[in-house]
Amino acid sequence: MQELRGKLTELRGELESFSTGVVTRVKPIRSEIETLTGKLESALATLRPEVEKVGGELSRKIDALDAELAKMEP
């Protein structure tokens, strides 16, 4: 029973050490991801008006071509 308790104490120590190490490594990675996410959101917000403009122009061209094709049908 003493051996089992000793082993259990040892395993708890290893688990605590492991979790502390993981948290230490994950925090900076998480911060970097959050920073990159913010930059990506900003870039997308900047590009959105341009994309919407091009999309609108393409939509008008498609509508004009549809109208022309409709005139050609017998």
N, C-alpha and C. Protein backbone atom coordinates (compact mmCIF):
# COMPACT_ATOMS: atom_id res chain seq x y z
N MET A 1 0.82 -1.18 0.00
CA MET A 1 0.00 0.00 0.00
C MET A 1 0.87 1.26 0.00
N GLN A 2 1.96 1.19 0.75
CA GLN A 2 2.90 2.32 0.81
C GLN A 2 3.50 2.58 -0.57
N GLU A 3 3.85 1.50 -1.28
CA GLU A 3 4.42 1.64 -2.62
C GLU A 3 3.41 2.29 -3.56
N LEU A 4 2.16 1.87 -3.44
CA LEU A 4 1.10 2.42 -4.29
C LEU A 4 0.92 3.91 -4.02
N ARG A 5 0.92 4.31 -2.76
CA ARG A 5 0.80 5.73 -2.42
C ARG A 5 2.00 6.51 -2.93
N GLY A 6 3.18 5.92 -2.81
CA GLY A 6 4.39 6.57 -3.31
C GLY A 6 4.33 6.77 -4.81
N LYS A 7 3.88 5.74 -5.51
CA LYS A 7 3.76 5.82 -6.97
C LYS A 7 2.72 6.86 -7.37
N LEU A 8 1.60 6.89 -6.64
CA LEU A 8 0.54 7.85 -6.90
C LEU A 8 1.06 9.28 -6.69
N THR A 9 1.80 9.51 -5.63
CA THR A 9 2.39 10.83 -5.36
C THR A 9 3.36 11.21 -6.47
N GLU A 10 4.15 10.26 -6.91
CA GLU A 10 5.10 10.50 -8.00
C GLU A 10 4.37 10.88 -9.29
N LEU A 11 3.30 10.13 -9.60
CA LEU A 11 2.54 10.41 -10.81
C LEU A 11 1.85 11.78 -10.74
N ARG A 12 1.34 12.14 -9.57
CA ARG A 12 0.73 13.47 -9.41
C ARG A 12 1.76 14.56 -9.66
N GLY A 13 2.93 14.37 -9.14
CA GLY A 13 4.01 15.34 -9.36
C GLY A 13 4.35 15.47 -10.83
N GLU A 14 4.44 14.35 -11.52
CA GLU A 14 4.73 14.38 -12.96
C GLU A 14 3.61 15.08 -13.72
N LEU A 15 2.37 14.80 -13.35
CA LEU A 15 1.23 15.43 -14.02
C LEU A 15 1.24 16.94 -13.80
N GLU A 16 1.48 17.38 -12.57
CA GLU A 16 1.55 18.81 -12.29
C GLU A 16 2.69 19.47 -13.04
N SER A 17 3.81 18.82 -13.09
CA SER A 17 4.96 19.34 -13.81
C SER A 17 4.66 19.44 -15.31
N PHE A 18 4.04 18.40 -15.83
CA PHE A 18 3.69 18.40 -17.25
C PHE A 18 2.70 19.51 -17.58
N SER A 19 1.64 19.65 -16.76
CA SER A 19 0.63 20.66 -17.05
C SER A 19 1.20 22.06 -16.93
N THR A 20 2.09 22.27 -15.96
CA THR A 20 2.74 23.58 -15.83
C THR A 20 3.59 23.87 -17.06
N GLY A 21 4.32 22.88 -17.54
CA GLY A 21 5.13 23.05 -18.74
C GLY A 21 4.30 23.33 -19.97
N VAL A 22 3.17 22.64 -20.08
CA VAL A 22 2.30 22.84 -21.24
C VAL A 22 1.73 24.25 -21.23
N VAL A 23 1.25 24.68 -20.07
CA VAL A 23 0.69 26.03 -19.97
C VAL A 23 1.75 27.07 -20.30
N THR A 24 2.95 26.86 -19.83
CA THR A 24 4.05 27.79 -20.11
C THR A 24 4.32 27.88 -21.61
N ARG A 25 4.21 26.77 -22.31
CA ARG A 25 4.46 26.76 -23.76
C ARG A 25 3.27 27.23 -24.55
N VAL A 26 2.05 26.97 -24.08
CA VAL A 26 0.85 27.30 -24.84
C VAL A 26 0.50 28.79 -24.76
N LYS A 27 0.74 29.42 -23.64
CA LYS A 27 0.38 30.84 -23.49
C LYS A 27 0.99 31.74 -24.57
N PRO A 28 2.29 31.65 -24.84
CA PRO A 28 2.85 32.51 -25.89
C PRO A 28 2.30 32.16 -27.28
N ILE A 29 2.06 30.90 -27.51
CA ILE A 29 1.50 30.48 -28.81
C ILE A 29 0.10 31.07 -28.96
N ARG A 30 -0.68 31.00 -27.90
CA ARG A 30 -2.04 31.53 -27.94
C ARG A 30 -2.02 33.05 -28.18
N SER A 31 -1.11 33.74 -27.52
CA SER A 31 -0.99 35.19 -27.72
C SER A 31 -0.64 35.51 -29.17
N GLU A 32 0.27 34.76 -29.73
CA GLU A 32 0.67 34.97 -31.13
C GLU A 32 -0.50 34.71 -32.08
N ILE A 33 -1.26 33.67 -31.82
CA ILE A 33 -2.43 33.36 -32.65
C ILE A 33 -3.45 34.49 -32.57
N GLU A 34 -3.68 35.01 -31.37
CA GLU A 34 -4.62 36.12 -31.21
C GLU A 34 -4.15 37.36 -31.97
N THR A 35 -2.84 37.62 -31.93
CA THR A 35 -2.28 38.75 -32.67
C THR A 35 -2.48 38.56 -34.17
N LEU A 36 -2.16 37.36 -34.65
CA LEU A 36 -2.32 37.08 -36.08
C LEU A 36 -3.78 37.14 -36.51
N THR A 37 -4.67 36.67 -35.65
CA THR A 37 -6.10 36.72 -35.95
C THR A 37 -6.56 38.16 -36.10
N GLY A 38 -6.10 39.02 -35.22
CA GLY A 38 -6.44 40.44 -35.31
C GLY A 38 -5.95 41.06 -36.61
N LYS A 39 -4.73 40.70 -37.01
CA LYS A 39 -4.18 41.22 -38.26
C LYS A 39 -4.97 40.71 -39.46
N LEU A 40 -5.36 39.44 -39.41
CA LEU A 40 -6.14 38.86 -40.50
C LEU A 40 -7.51 39.51 -40.61
N GLU A 41 -8.16 39.72 -39.48
CA GLU A 41 -9.47 40.40 -39.49
C GLU A 41 -9.35 41.80 -40.06
N SER A 42 -8.30 42.49 -39.70
CA SER A 42 -8.07 43.84 -40.22
C SER A 42 -7.86 43.83 -41.73
N ALA A 43 -7.06 42.88 -42.20
CA ALA A 43 -6.80 42.78 -43.64
C ALA A 43 -8.08 42.46 -44.40
N LEU A 44 -8.87 41.56 -43.86
CA LEU A 44 -10.14 41.21 -44.52
C LEU A 44 -11.09 42.38 -44.55
N ALA A 45 -11.14 43.14 -43.47
CA ALA A 45 -12.01 44.32 -43.43
C ALA A 45 -11.58 45.35 -44.46
N THR A 46 -10.27 45.45 -44.70
CA THR A 46 -9.76 46.38 -45.70
C THR A 46 -10.11 45.91 -47.11
N LEU A 47 -10.05 44.61 -47.35
CA LEU A 47 -10.30 44.07 -48.69
C LEU A 47 -11.79 43.98 -49.03
N ARG A 48 -12.62 43.89 -48.04
CA ARG A 48 -14.05 43.66 -48.28
C ARG A 48 -14.69 44.67 -49.23
N PRO A 49 -14.48 45.98 -49.06
CA PRO A 49 -15.10 46.93 -50.00
C PRO A 49 -14.67 46.70 -51.44
N GLU A 50 -13.40 46.38 -51.64
CA GLU A 50 -12.91 46.13 -52.99
C GLU A 50 -13.57 44.90 -53.60
N VAL A 51 -13.68 43.85 -52.81
CA VAL A 51 -14.29 42.61 -53.28
C VAL A 51 -15.78 42.83 -53.59
N GLU A 52 -16.46 43.57 -52.74
CA GLU A 52 -17.87 43.85 -52.98
C GLU A 52 -18.06 44.68 -54.24
N LYS A 53 -17.15 45.60 -54.49
CA LYS A 53 -17.22 46.43 -55.70
C LYS A 53 -17.07 45.56 -56.95
N VAL A 54 -16.05 44.71 -56.95
CA VAL A 54 -15.82 43.82 -58.09
C VAL A 54 -17.00 42.86 -58.27
N GLY A 55 -17.51 42.35 -57.17
CA GLY A 55 -18.66 41.45 -57.23
C GLY A 55 -19.88 42.14 -57.82
N GLY A 56 -20.10 43.38 -57.44
CA GLY A 56 -21.22 44.14 -57.99
C GLY A 56 -21.07 44.37 -59.48
N GLU A 57 -19.85 44.71 -59.91
CA GLU A 57 -19.59 44.92 -61.34
C GLU A 57 -19.82 43.64 -62.14
N LEU A 58 -19.33 42.53 -61.63
CA LEU A 58 -19.53 41.25 -62.31
C LEU A 58 -21.01 40.89 -62.38
N SER A 59 -21.72 41.15 -61.33
CA SER A 59 -23.16 40.87 -61.30
C SER A 59 -23.88 41.69 -62.36
N ARG A 60 -23.53 42.97 -62.50
CA ARG A 60 -24.16 43.81 -63.53
C ARG A 60 -23.83 43.30 -64.94
N LYS A 61 -22.58 42.88 -65.15
CA LYS A 61 -22.21 42.35 -66.47
C LYS A 61 -22.98 41.07 -66.78
N ILE A 62 -23.13 40.21 -65.79
CA ILE A 62 -23.89 38.96 -65.99
C ILE A 62 -25.33 39.28 -66.32
N ASP A 63 -25.92 40.23 -65.61
CA ASP A 63 -27.31 40.63 -65.87
C ASP A 63 -27.46 41.19 -67.28
N ALA A 64 -26.48 42.00 -67.73
CA ALA A 64 -26.53 42.57 -69.08
C ALA A 64 -26.42 41.47 -70.13
N LEU A 65 -25.55 40.50 -69.91
CA LEU A 65 -25.41 39.40 -70.86
C LEU A 65 -26.67 38.54 -70.89
N ASP A 66 -27.28 38.32 -69.74
CA ASP A 66 -28.55 37.59 -69.68
C ASP A 66 -29.63 38.30 -70.49
N ALA A 67 -29.66 39.61 -70.38
CA ALA A 67 -30.66 40.40 -71.12
C ALA A 67 -30.42 40.28 -72.62
N GLU A 68 -29.15 40.35 -73.02
CA GLU A 68 -28.83 40.20 -74.45
C GLU A 68 -29.22 38.82 -74.97
N LEU A 69 -28.91 37.78 -74.19
CA LEU A 69 -29.27 36.42 -74.60
C LEU A 69 -30.78 36.27 -74.70
N ALA A 70 -31.51 36.89 -73.81
CA ALA A 70 -32.98 36.80 -73.82
C ALA A 70 -33.53 37.43 -75.10
N LYS A 71 -32.90 38.49 -75.58
CA LYS A 71 -33.33 39.15 -76.83
C LYS A 71 -33.09 38.25 -78.03
N MET A 72 -32.05 37.42 -77.99
CA MET A 72 -31.68 36.58 -79.11
C MET A 72 -32.56 35.33 -79.23
N GLU A 73 -33.22 34.95 -78.16
CA GLU A 73 -34.06 33.76 -78.20
C GLU A 73 -35.28 34.00 -79.06
N PRO A 74 -35.66 33.00 -79.86
CA PRO A 74 -36.82 33.17 -80.75
C PRO A 74 -38.13 33.21 -80.00
